Amino acid sequence: GQQGGRGRGPRRGQDLQTAVKLSFEEAVTGKKLDVTFERHDVCGPCEGSGAKAGTKPIKCKTCGGQGRIARQQGFFMVQTTCPVCQGSGEQIKDKCSDCQGHGVKRVQRTLSVKIPAGIDDGMRLRVPGEGETGGPGGQRGDLHVLIQVEPHPIFKRDGAHIHMQHDVTFTQAALGDEIELPTLSG
């Protein structure tokens, strides 16, 4: 039997992940942070077509623009992806010099991200629409920011609680005493 359409509609881009390191204090109080990462963007000069400015991709002659080649194998009809156009149904005769015919190019992007107070080591922040491009008409993926909190020399975290250990002498424990303890704010 024959399969239906090729699914040429817009598709969602892949998600990206980047990691940021925070000090213990920054994780507790929160912070606005610039995050730099790389992603693919649609090429400007060719508008994502991959063809040189002023030209257009042409219909693939091998598959007739279908993206698949069907061949008889005994009683069965076998369809495979066209090896010339890689399933796109189009060939680029004159490639764009900026993206070498890919339609996308790698760019570096810096984004300001608000890190909420109380974030913990290993948590992720999702920034919608900042991942890889989904191609022409497609929706961008998301950026996931992995949080890595550096340990503190004095304080330890237990969920929403902050603990510290302070040694006291036997006399202080038996008779009581007033001692000064450090806090995150001084």
N, C-alpha and C. Protein backbone atom coordinates (compact mmCIF):
# COMPACT_ATOMS: atom_id res chain seq x y z
N GLY A 1 0.82 -1.19 0.00
CA GLY A 1 0.00 0.00 0.00
C GLY A 1 0.86 1.25 0.00
N GLN A 2 0.25 2.36 -0.31
CA GLN A 2 0.97 3.63 -0.31
C GLN A 2 0.70 4.37 0.98
N GLN A 3 1.73 5.08 1.45
CA GLN A 3 1.56 5.89 2.64
C GLN A 3 1.03 7.25 2.25
N GLY A 4 0.46 7.94 3.22
CA GLY A 4 -0.09 9.27 2.97
C GLY A 4 1.01 10.29 2.75
N GLY A 5 0.71 11.56 3.05
CA GLY A 5 1.62 12.67 2.81
C GLY A 5 2.95 12.52 3.53
N ARG A 6 3.90 13.36 3.14
CA ARG A 6 5.25 13.27 3.67
C ARG A 6 5.45 14.04 4.96
N GLY A 7 4.46 14.77 5.41
CA GLY A 7 4.62 15.52 6.64
C GLY A 7 5.54 16.72 6.46
N ARG A 8 5.31 17.49 5.41
CA ARG A 8 6.18 18.62 5.11
C ARG A 8 5.82 19.86 5.93
N GLY A 9 4.86 19.78 6.83
CA GLY A 9 4.43 20.94 7.58
C GLY A 9 5.50 21.43 8.54
N PRO A 10 5.25 22.59 9.15
CA PRO A 10 6.22 23.14 10.10
C PRO A 10 6.41 22.18 11.27
N ARG A 11 7.61 22.15 11.78
CA ARG A 11 7.88 21.29 12.92
C ARG A 11 8.57 22.09 14.01
N ARG A 12 8.53 21.59 15.21
CA ARG A 12 9.13 22.26 16.36
C ARG A 12 10.62 21.97 16.41
N GLY A 13 11.40 22.98 16.74
CA GLY A 13 12.85 22.83 16.85
C GLY A 13 13.24 22.07 18.12
N GLN A 14 14.47 21.60 18.16
CA GLN A 14 14.97 20.86 19.32
C GLN A 14 15.25 21.78 20.48
N ASP A 15 15.15 21.22 21.68
CA ASP A 15 15.50 21.96 22.89
C ASP A 15 17.01 22.00 23.03
N LEU A 16 17.51 23.04 23.69
CA LEU A 16 18.93 23.18 23.99
C LEU A 16 19.11 23.21 25.49
N GLN A 17 20.32 22.89 25.94
CA GLN A 17 20.61 22.95 27.37
C GLN A 17 21.94 23.65 27.58
N THR A 18 22.01 24.49 28.59
CA THR A 18 23.25 25.13 28.99
C THR A 18 23.29 25.12 30.51
N ALA A 19 24.49 25.21 31.08
CA ALA A 19 24.64 25.17 32.53
C ALA A 19 25.23 26.48 33.03
N VAL A 20 24.79 26.89 34.22
CA VAL A 20 25.36 28.07 34.87
C VAL A 20 25.74 27.70 36.30
N LYS A 21 26.85 28.29 36.77
CA LYS A 21 27.29 28.07 38.14
C LYS A 21 26.91 29.28 38.98
N LEU A 22 26.38 29.00 40.16
CA LEU A 22 26.01 30.06 41.10
C LEU A 22 26.71 29.81 42.43
N SER A 23 27.01 30.89 43.12
CA SER A 23 27.51 30.74 44.48
C SER A 23 26.32 30.38 45.37
N PHE A 24 26.60 29.89 46.55
CA PHE A 24 25.54 29.51 47.50
C PHE A 24 24.65 30.72 47.80
N GLU A 25 25.27 31.88 48.01
CA GLU A 25 24.53 33.10 48.33
C GLU A 25 23.62 33.51 47.17
N GLU A 26 24.12 33.43 45.93
CA GLU A 26 23.32 33.80 44.76
C GLU A 26 22.10 32.88 44.63
N ALA A 27 22.28 31.60 44.93
CA ALA A 27 21.17 30.65 44.85
C ALA A 27 20.11 30.96 45.90
N VAL A 28 20.52 31.40 47.06
CA VAL A 28 19.57 31.70 48.14
C VAL A 28 18.82 33.00 47.86
N THR A 29 19.53 34.03 47.38
CA THR A 29 18.90 35.34 47.21
C THR A 29 18.32 35.58 45.83
N GLY A 30 18.74 34.79 44.83
CA GLY A 30 18.29 35.01 43.45
C GLY A 30 19.17 36.03 42.76
N LYS A 31 19.08 36.06 41.44
CA LYS A 31 19.97 36.93 40.68
C LYS A 31 19.49 37.02 39.24
N LYS A 32 19.80 38.12 38.58
CA LYS A 32 19.60 38.25 37.14
C LYS A 32 20.95 37.96 36.51
N LEU A 33 20.97 37.04 35.53
CA LEU A 33 22.23 36.52 35.00
C LEU A 33 22.20 36.51 33.49
N ASP A 34 23.30 36.90 32.85
CA ASP A 34 23.43 36.80 31.40
C ASP A 34 23.94 35.41 31.05
N VAL A 35 23.20 34.69 30.21
CA VAL A 35 23.55 33.34 29.79
C VAL A 35 23.92 33.40 28.31
N THR A 36 25.10 32.89 27.95
CA THR A 36 25.55 32.86 26.56
C THR A 36 25.54 31.42 26.07
N PHE A 37 24.95 31.20 24.90
CA PHE A 37 24.87 29.85 24.34
C PHE A 37 24.87 29.97 22.81
N GLU A 38 25.05 28.83 22.14
CA GLU A 38 25.02 28.80 20.68
C GLU A 38 23.79 28.06 20.20
N ARG A 39 23.22 28.54 19.09
CA ARG A 39 22.08 27.88 18.48
C ARG A 39 22.09 28.16 16.98
N HIS A 40 21.26 27.48 16.24
CA HIS A 40 21.11 27.72 14.80
C HIS A 40 19.99 28.72 14.58
N ASP A 41 20.24 29.69 13.73
CA ASP A 41 19.23 30.66 13.32
C ASP A 41 19.04 30.56 11.81
N VAL A 42 17.87 30.92 11.35
CA VAL A 42 17.59 30.93 9.92
C VAL A 42 18.51 31.96 9.27
N CYS A 43 19.13 31.55 8.17
CA CYS A 43 20.06 32.42 7.44
C CYS A 43 19.30 33.62 6.87
N GLY A 44 19.80 34.82 7.11
CA GLY A 44 19.15 36.03 6.65
C GLY A 44 19.16 36.23 5.14
N PRO A 45 20.33 36.13 4.49
CA PRO A 45 20.38 36.41 3.05
C PRO A 45 19.49 35.48 2.21
N CYS A 46 19.39 34.20 2.57
CA CYS A 46 18.58 33.28 1.76
C CYS A 46 17.22 33.00 2.39
N GLU A 47 16.95 33.59 3.55
CA GLU A 47 15.69 33.41 4.29
C GLU A 47 15.38 31.94 4.56
N GLY A 48 16.44 31.16 4.77
CA GLY A 48 16.27 29.75 5.13
C GLY A 48 16.12 28.79 3.98
N SER A 49 16.14 29.29 2.75
CA SER A 49 15.96 28.38 1.61
C SER A 49 17.25 27.63 1.27
N GLY A 50 18.40 28.20 1.61
CA GLY A 50 19.68 27.60 1.27
C GLY A 50 20.18 28.00 -0.11
N ALA A 51 19.32 28.65 -0.89
CA ALA A 51 19.67 29.04 -2.26
C ALA A 51 20.24 30.46 -2.27
N LYS A 52 21.15 30.70 -3.18
CA LYS A 52 21.76 32.00 -3.36
C LYS A 52 20.68 33.06 -3.57
N ALA A 53 20.92 34.28 -3.07
CA ALA A 53 19.94 35.36 -3.20
C ALA A 53 19.56 35.55 -4.67
N GLY A 54 18.27 35.64 -4.92
CA GLY A 54 17.76 35.81 -6.27
C GLY A 54 17.46 34.50 -6.98
N THR A 55 17.80 33.38 -6.36
CA THR A 55 17.50 32.07 -6.96
C THR A 55 16.60 31.29 -6.01
N LYS A 56 16.05 30.19 -6.49
CA LYS A 56 15.19 29.34 -5.68
C LYS A 56 15.63 27.89 -5.83
N PRO A 57 15.33 27.06 -4.84
CA PRO A 57 15.58 25.63 -5.02
C PRO A 57 14.70 25.09 -6.16
N ILE A 58 15.20 24.08 -6.85
CA ILE A 58 14.44 23.48 -7.94
C ILE A 58 13.93 22.11 -7.51
N LYS A 59 12.90 21.64 -8.21
CA LYS A 59 12.34 20.32 -7.92
C LYS A 59 13.39 19.25 -8.21
N CYS A 60 13.54 18.30 -7.30
CA CYS A 60 14.51 17.21 -7.47
C CYS A 60 14.12 16.37 -8.68
N LYS A 61 15.08 16.18 -9.57
CA LYS A 61 14.82 15.40 -10.79
C LYS A 61 14.79 13.91 -10.52
N THR A 62 15.47 13.46 -9.49
CA THR A 62 15.54 12.03 -9.20
C THR A 62 14.20 11.49 -8.69
N CYS A 63 13.57 12.24 -7.77
CA CYS A 63 12.31 11.76 -7.18
C CYS A 63 11.09 12.53 -7.66
N GLY A 64 11.30 13.52 -8.52
CA GLY A 64 10.18 14.31 -9.03
C GLY A 64 9.55 15.21 -7.98
N GLY A 65 10.31 15.56 -6.94
CA GLY A 65 9.80 16.44 -5.88
C GLY A 65 9.06 15.71 -4.78
N GLN A 66 9.03 14.38 -4.81
CA GLN A 66 8.31 13.60 -3.80
C GLN A 66 9.13 13.34 -2.55
N GLY A 67 10.45 13.34 -2.68
CA GLY A 67 11.30 13.06 -1.53
C GLY A 67 11.52 11.58 -1.28
N ARG A 68 10.81 10.75 -2.01
CA ARG A 68 10.92 9.30 -1.87
C ARG A 68 11.02 8.66 -3.24
N ILE A 69 11.68 7.52 -3.26
CA ILE A 69 11.78 6.74 -4.49
C ILE A 69 11.11 5.40 -4.21
N ALA A 70 10.20 5.00 -5.08
CA ALA A 70 9.51 3.72 -4.95
C ALA A 70 10.07 2.76 -5.98
N ARG A 71 10.32 1.53 -5.54
CA ARG A 71 10.79 0.51 -6.48
C ARG A 71 10.14 -0.82 -6.16
N GLN A 72 9.96 -1.60 -7.17
CA GLN A 72 9.33 -2.92 -7.05
C GLN A 72 10.38 -3.91 -6.57
N GLN A 73 10.01 -4.70 -5.56
CA GLN A 73 10.89 -5.74 -5.06
C GLN A 73 10.03 -6.99 -4.90
N GLY A 74 9.98 -7.79 -5.93
CA GLY A 74 9.11 -8.96 -5.92
C GLY A 74 7.66 -8.52 -5.96
N PHE A 75 6.88 -8.99 -4.99
CA PHE A 75 5.47 -8.60 -4.90
C PHE A 75 5.29 -7.27 -4.17
N PHE A 76 6.36 -6.77 -3.56
CA PHE A 76 6.24 -5.59 -2.71
C PHE A 76 6.76 -4.33 -3.39
N MET A 77 6.15 -3.21 -3.02
CA MET A 77 6.60 -1.89 -3.47
C MET A 77 7.35 -1.29 -2.28
N VAL A 78 8.64 -0.98 -2.44
CA VAL A 78 9.47 -0.46 -1.35
C VAL A 78 9.76 1.01 -1.62
N GLN A 79 9.50 1.84 -0.59
CA GLN A 79 9.79 3.27 -0.71
C GLN A 79 11.00 3.59 0.16
N THR A 80 11.94 4.36 -0.39
CA THR A 80 13.11 4.81 0.37
C THR A 80 13.25 6.32 0.18
N THR A 81 13.95 6.94 1.10
CA THR A 81 14.22 8.37 0.99
C THR A 81 15.15 8.62 -0.18
N CYS A 82 14.85 9.67 -0.92
CA CYS A 82 15.66 10.01 -2.10
C CYS A 82 17.09 10.33 -1.65
N PRO A 83 18.09 9.65 -2.23
CA PRO A 83 19.47 9.90 -1.82
C PRO A 83 20.03 11.24 -2.32
N VAL A 84 19.41 11.83 -3.32
CA VAL A 84 19.90 13.09 -3.88
C VAL A 84 19.44 14.29 -3.05
N CYS A 85 18.14 14.36 -2.73
CA CYS A 85 17.61 15.52 -2.01
C CYS A 85 17.42 15.25 -0.51
N GLN A 86 17.74 14.03 -0.07
CA GLN A 86 17.59 13.64 1.33
C GLN A 86 16.16 13.79 1.84
N GLY A 87 15.19 13.59 0.97
CA GLY A 87 13.78 13.62 1.34
C GLY A 87 13.10 14.96 1.27
N SER A 88 13.81 16.02 0.89
CA SER A 88 13.20 17.35 0.86
C SER A 88 12.39 17.58 -0.41
N GLY A 89 12.71 16.86 -1.49
CA GLY A 89 12.02 17.05 -2.75
C GLY A 89 12.57 18.20 -3.58
N GLU A 90 13.60 18.87 -3.03
CA GLU A 90 14.19 20.02 -3.72
C GLU A 90 15.70 19.89 -3.78
N GLN A 91 16.28 20.49 -4.82
CA GLN A 91 17.72 20.56 -4.95
C GLN A 91 18.11 22.02 -5.05
N ILE A 92 19.27 22.35 -4.50
CA ILE A 92 19.76 23.72 -4.56
C ILE A 92 20.88 23.76 -5.59
N LYS A 93 20.62 24.49 -6.66
CA LYS A 93 21.60 24.59 -7.74
C LYS A 93 22.72 25.55 -7.35
N ASP A 94 22.37 26.77 -6.92
CA ASP A 94 23.34 27.78 -6.49
C ASP A 94 23.17 27.99 -4.99
N LYS A 95 24.13 27.49 -4.19
CA LYS A 95 24.03 27.56 -2.73
C LYS A 95 24.36 28.95 -2.20
N CYS A 96 23.70 29.29 -1.10
CA CYS A 96 23.95 30.56 -0.40
C CYS A 96 25.36 30.52 0.17
N SER A 97 26.11 31.59 0.01
CA SER A 97 27.50 31.61 0.49
C SER A 97 27.59 31.77 2.00
N ASP A 98 26.55 32.32 2.64
CA ASP A 98 26.58 32.50 4.10
C ASP A 98 26.36 31.18 4.85
N CYS A 99 25.42 30.36 4.39
CA CYS A 99 25.08 29.13 5.11
C CYS A 99 25.48 27.86 4.36
N GLN A 100 26.13 28.00 3.21
CA GLN A 100 26.57 26.88 2.38
C GLN A 100 25.41 25.96 1.98
N GLY A 101 24.23 26.53 1.83
CA GLY A 101 23.08 25.77 1.36
C GLY A 101 22.27 25.09 2.44
N HIS A 102 22.63 25.27 3.70
CA HIS A 102 21.91 24.61 4.80
C HIS A 102 20.64 25.36 5.22
N GLY A 103 20.59 26.67 4.96
CA GLY A 103 19.42 27.47 5.34
C GLY A 103 19.48 27.98 6.77
N VAL A 104 20.40 27.44 7.56
CA VAL A 104 20.60 27.90 8.94
C VAL A 104 22.09 28.07 9.18
N LYS A 105 22.42 28.92 10.16
CA LYS A 105 23.82 29.05 10.54
C LYS A 105 23.92 29.22 12.05
N ARG A 106 25.05 28.79 12.59
CA ARG A 106 25.28 28.79 14.03
C ARG A 106 25.61 30.22 14.49
N VAL A 107 24.91 30.68 15.53
CA VAL A 107 25.14 32.01 16.08
C VAL A 107 25.26 31.92 17.59
N GLN A 108 25.95 32.88 18.16
CA GLN A 108 26.07 32.96 19.61
C GLN A 108 25.04 33.95 20.12
N ARG A 109 24.34 33.57 21.17
CA ARG A 109 23.27 34.43 21.70
C ARG A 109 23.47 34.61 23.19
N THR A 110 23.24 35.83 23.67
CA THR A 110 23.29 36.13 25.09
C THR A 110 21.91 36.57 25.53
N LEU A 111 21.46 35.98 26.62
CA LEU A 111 20.11 36.18 27.09
C LEU A 111 20.14 36.47 28.59
N SER A 112 19.35 37.43 29.03
CA SER A 112 19.26 37.75 30.46
C SER A 112 18.18 36.87 31.10
N VAL A 113 18.58 36.09 32.11
CA VAL A 113 17.67 35.14 32.76
C VAL A 113 17.58 35.49 34.23
N LYS A 114 16.34 35.52 34.75
CA LYS A 114 16.13 35.79 36.17
C LYS A 114 16.17 34.47 36.92
N ILE A 115 17.14 34.34 37.82
CA ILE A 115 17.27 33.16 38.67
C ILE A 115 16.47 33.43 39.94
N PRO A 116 15.42 32.65 40.22
CA PRO A 116 14.60 32.92 41.40
C PRO A 116 15.33 32.58 42.70
N ALA A 117 14.97 33.29 43.76
CA ALA A 117 15.55 33.03 45.08
C ALA A 117 15.16 31.63 45.54
N GLY A 118 16.10 30.93 46.15
CA GLY A 118 15.84 29.61 46.70
C GLY A 118 16.06 28.47 45.72
N ILE A 119 16.60 28.75 44.54
CA ILE A 119 16.83 27.68 43.57
C ILE A 119 17.91 26.74 44.11
N ASP A 120 17.80 25.47 43.77
CA ASP A 120 18.71 24.46 44.32
C ASP A 120 19.56 23.83 43.23
N ASP A 121 20.63 23.21 43.63
CA ASP A 121 21.55 22.54 42.72
C ASP A 121 20.81 21.45 41.94
N GLY A 122 21.02 21.40 40.62
CA GLY A 122 20.40 20.38 39.78
C GLY A 122 19.05 20.77 39.20
N MET A 123 18.49 21.89 39.65
CA MET A 123 17.21 22.34 39.09
C MET A 123 17.44 22.91 37.69
N ARG A 124 16.37 22.97 36.91
CA ARG A 124 16.42 23.51 35.55
C ARG A 124 15.40 24.62 35.40
N LEU A 125 15.80 25.65 34.67
CA LEU A 125 14.87 26.71 34.29
C LEU A 125 14.59 26.55 32.81
N ARG A 126 13.34 26.65 32.42
CA ARG A 126 12.96 26.53 31.01
C ARG A 126 12.67 27.93 30.47
N VAL A 127 13.36 28.27 29.37
CA VAL A 127 13.13 29.55 28.69
C VAL A 127 12.47 29.20 27.36
N PRO A 128 11.15 29.39 27.24
CA PRO A 128 10.44 29.00 26.02
C PRO A 128 10.89 29.78 24.79
N GLY A 129 10.98 29.08 23.66
CA GLY A 129 11.25 29.71 22.38
C GLY A 129 12.67 30.17 22.15
N GLU A 130 13.64 29.68 22.94
CA GLU A 130 15.03 30.10 22.77
C GLU A 130 15.93 28.94 22.33
N GLY A 131 15.33 27.82 21.91
CA GLY A 131 16.11 26.67 21.45
C GLY A 131 16.38 26.74 19.96
N GLU A 132 16.57 25.58 19.35
CA GLU A 132 16.88 25.50 17.92
C GLU A 132 15.66 25.89 17.07
N THR A 133 15.94 26.38 15.88
CA THR A 133 14.87 26.76 14.96
C THR A 133 14.15 25.52 14.44
N GLY A 134 12.89 25.66 14.19
CA GLY A 134 12.10 24.56 13.65
C GLY A 134 12.03 24.61 12.13
N GLY A 135 12.83 25.46 11.52
CA GLY A 135 12.80 25.60 10.06
C GLY A 135 11.73 26.60 9.65
N PRO A 136 11.53 26.78 8.38
CA PRO A 136 10.56 27.77 7.90
C PRO A 136 9.16 27.48 8.44
N GLY A 137 8.60 28.44 9.15
CA GLY A 137 7.25 28.31 9.69
C GLY A 137 7.17 27.48 10.95
N GLY A 138 8.28 26.90 11.38
CA GLY A 138 8.28 26.04 12.57
C GLY A 138 8.53 26.83 13.84
N GLN A 139 8.11 26.26 14.94
CA GLN A 139 8.27 26.88 16.25
C GLN A 139 9.65 26.52 16.82
N ARG A 140 10.29 27.47 17.49
CA ARG A 140 11.58 27.21 18.12
C ARG A 140 11.40 26.27 19.31
N GLY A 141 12.45 25.51 19.61
CA GLY A 141 12.47 24.69 20.82
C GLY A 141 12.70 25.58 22.04
N ASP A 142 12.91 24.97 23.19
CA ASP A 142 13.13 25.71 24.43
C ASP A 142 14.59 25.62 24.85
N LEU A 143 15.02 26.56 25.68
CA LEU A 143 16.34 26.53 26.29
C LEU A 143 16.16 26.09 27.74
N HIS A 144 16.92 25.08 28.15
CA HIS A 144 16.89 24.62 29.54
C HIS A 144 18.20 25.03 30.19
N VAL A 145 18.10 25.81 31.28
CA VAL A 145 19.27 26.29 32.00
C VAL A 145 19.44 25.42 33.24
N LEU A 146 20.51 24.62 33.26
CA LEU A 146 20.82 23.73 34.38
C LEU A 146 21.57 24.52 35.43
N ILE A 147 21.08 24.47 36.67
CA ILE A 147 21.67 25.24 37.76
C ILE A 147 22.67 24.37 38.53
N GLN A 148 23.89 24.89 38.68
CA GLN A 148 24.91 24.22 39.48
C GLN A 148 25.31 25.17 40.60
N VAL A 149 25.00 24.78 41.84
CA VAL A 149 25.28 25.63 42.99
C VAL A 149 26.56 25.14 43.66
N GLU A 150 27.51 26.06 43.82
CA GLU A 150 28.77 25.72 44.46
C GLU A 150 28.55 25.57 45.97
N PRO A 151 29.23 24.62 46.60
CA PRO A 151 29.04 24.43 48.04
C PRO A 151 29.60 25.61 48.84
N HIS A 152 29.06 25.82 50.01
CA HIS A 152 29.49 26.89 50.91
C HIS A 152 30.39 26.27 51.98
N PRO A 153 31.42 26.97 52.41
CA PRO A 153 32.31 26.37 53.42
C PRO A 153 31.67 26.17 54.79
N ILE A 154 30.64 26.95 55.12
CA ILE A 154 30.03 26.87 56.45
C ILE A 154 28.61 26.30 56.39
N PHE A 155 27.81 26.80 55.47
CA PHE A 155 26.39 26.46 55.43
C PHE A 155 26.12 25.25 54.54
N LYS A 156 25.12 24.47 54.94
CA LYS A 156 24.63 23.33 54.16
C LYS A 156 23.14 23.53 53.95
N ARG A 157 22.65 23.04 52.84
CA ARG A 157 21.24 23.20 52.53
C ARG A 157 20.51 21.88 52.67
N ASP A 158 19.31 21.94 53.24
CA ASP A 158 18.44 20.77 53.37
C ASP A 158 17.04 21.23 52.95
N GLY A 159 16.76 21.10 51.65
CA GLY A 159 15.48 21.59 51.12
C GLY A 159 15.42 23.09 51.25
N ALA A 160 14.41 23.59 51.96
CA ALA A 160 14.26 25.03 52.14
C ALA A 160 15.00 25.53 53.38
N HIS A 161 15.69 24.64 54.09
CA HIS A 161 16.38 25.00 55.33
C HIS A 161 17.88 25.11 55.10
N ILE A 162 18.50 26.05 55.84
CA ILE A 162 19.95 26.21 55.80
C ILE A 162 20.48 25.84 57.18
N HIS A 163 21.46 24.95 57.20
CA HIS A 163 22.05 24.48 58.45
C HIS A 163 23.52 24.86 58.51
N MET A 164 24.02 24.97 59.73
CA MET A 164 25.45 25.10 59.94
C MET A 164 25.79 24.37 61.23
N GLN A 165 27.04 23.96 61.33
CA GLN A 165 27.48 23.26 62.53
C GLN A 165 28.46 24.16 63.26
N HIS A 166 28.26 24.31 64.57
CA HIS A 166 29.16 25.14 65.38
C HIS A 166 29.48 24.36 66.64
N ASP A 167 30.76 24.14 66.90
CA ASP A 167 31.17 23.39 68.08
C ASP A 167 31.08 24.27 69.33
N VAL A 168 30.63 23.69 70.41
CA VAL A 168 30.61 24.36 71.72
C VAL A 168 31.37 23.47 72.70
N THR A 169 31.90 24.10 73.73
CA THR A 169 32.63 23.35 74.75
C THR A 169 31.64 22.64 75.66
N PHE A 170 32.14 21.70 76.46
CA PHE A 170 31.29 20.99 77.41
C PHE A 170 30.70 21.95 78.43
N THR A 171 31.50 22.91 78.85
CA THR A 171 31.05 23.89 79.84
C THR A 171 29.93 24.75 79.27
N GLN A 172 30.08 25.18 78.00
CA GLN A 172 29.03 25.99 77.37
C GLN A 172 27.74 25.19 77.24
N ALA A 173 27.86 23.92 76.94
CA ALA A 173 26.68 23.08 76.79
C ALA A 173 26.02 22.82 78.14
N ALA A 174 26.82 22.63 79.18
CA ALA A 174 26.28 22.31 80.51
C ALA A 174 25.70 23.54 81.19
N LEU A 175 26.38 24.67 81.12
CA LEU A 175 25.95 25.87 81.84
C LEU A 175 25.18 26.87 80.98
N GLY A 176 25.26 26.68 79.68
CA GLY A 176 24.62 27.64 78.78
C GLY A 176 25.57 28.79 78.49
N ASP A 177 25.40 29.41 77.37
CA ASP A 177 26.27 30.51 76.98
C ASP A 177 25.60 31.27 75.84
N GLU A 178 26.06 32.45 75.65
CA GLU A 178 25.59 33.24 74.50
C GLU A 178 26.73 33.30 73.50
N ILE A 179 26.48 32.85 72.28
CA ILE A 179 27.52 32.83 71.25
C ILE A 179 27.04 33.59 70.02
N GLU A 180 28.00 34.03 69.23
CA GLU A 180 27.67 34.73 67.99
C GLU A 180 27.84 33.77 66.82
N LEU A 181 26.84 33.72 65.93
CA LEU A 181 26.88 32.84 64.77
C LEU A 181 26.78 33.67 63.49
N PRO A 182 27.49 33.26 62.46
CA PRO A 182 27.39 33.99 61.20
C PRO A 182 26.07 33.65 60.48
N THR A 183 25.61 34.57 59.66
CA THR A 183 24.46 34.33 58.80
C THR A 183 24.89 34.66 57.37
N LEU A 184 24.05 34.39 56.41
CA LEU A 184 24.39 34.70 55.03
C LEU A 184 24.52 36.20 54.79
N SER A 185 23.82 36.99 55.60
CA SER A 185 23.86 38.45 55.40
C SER A 185 24.87 39.12 56.31
N GLY A 186 25.71 38.35 56.99
CA GLY A 186 26.75 38.97 57.83
C GLY A 186 26.74 38.44 59.24
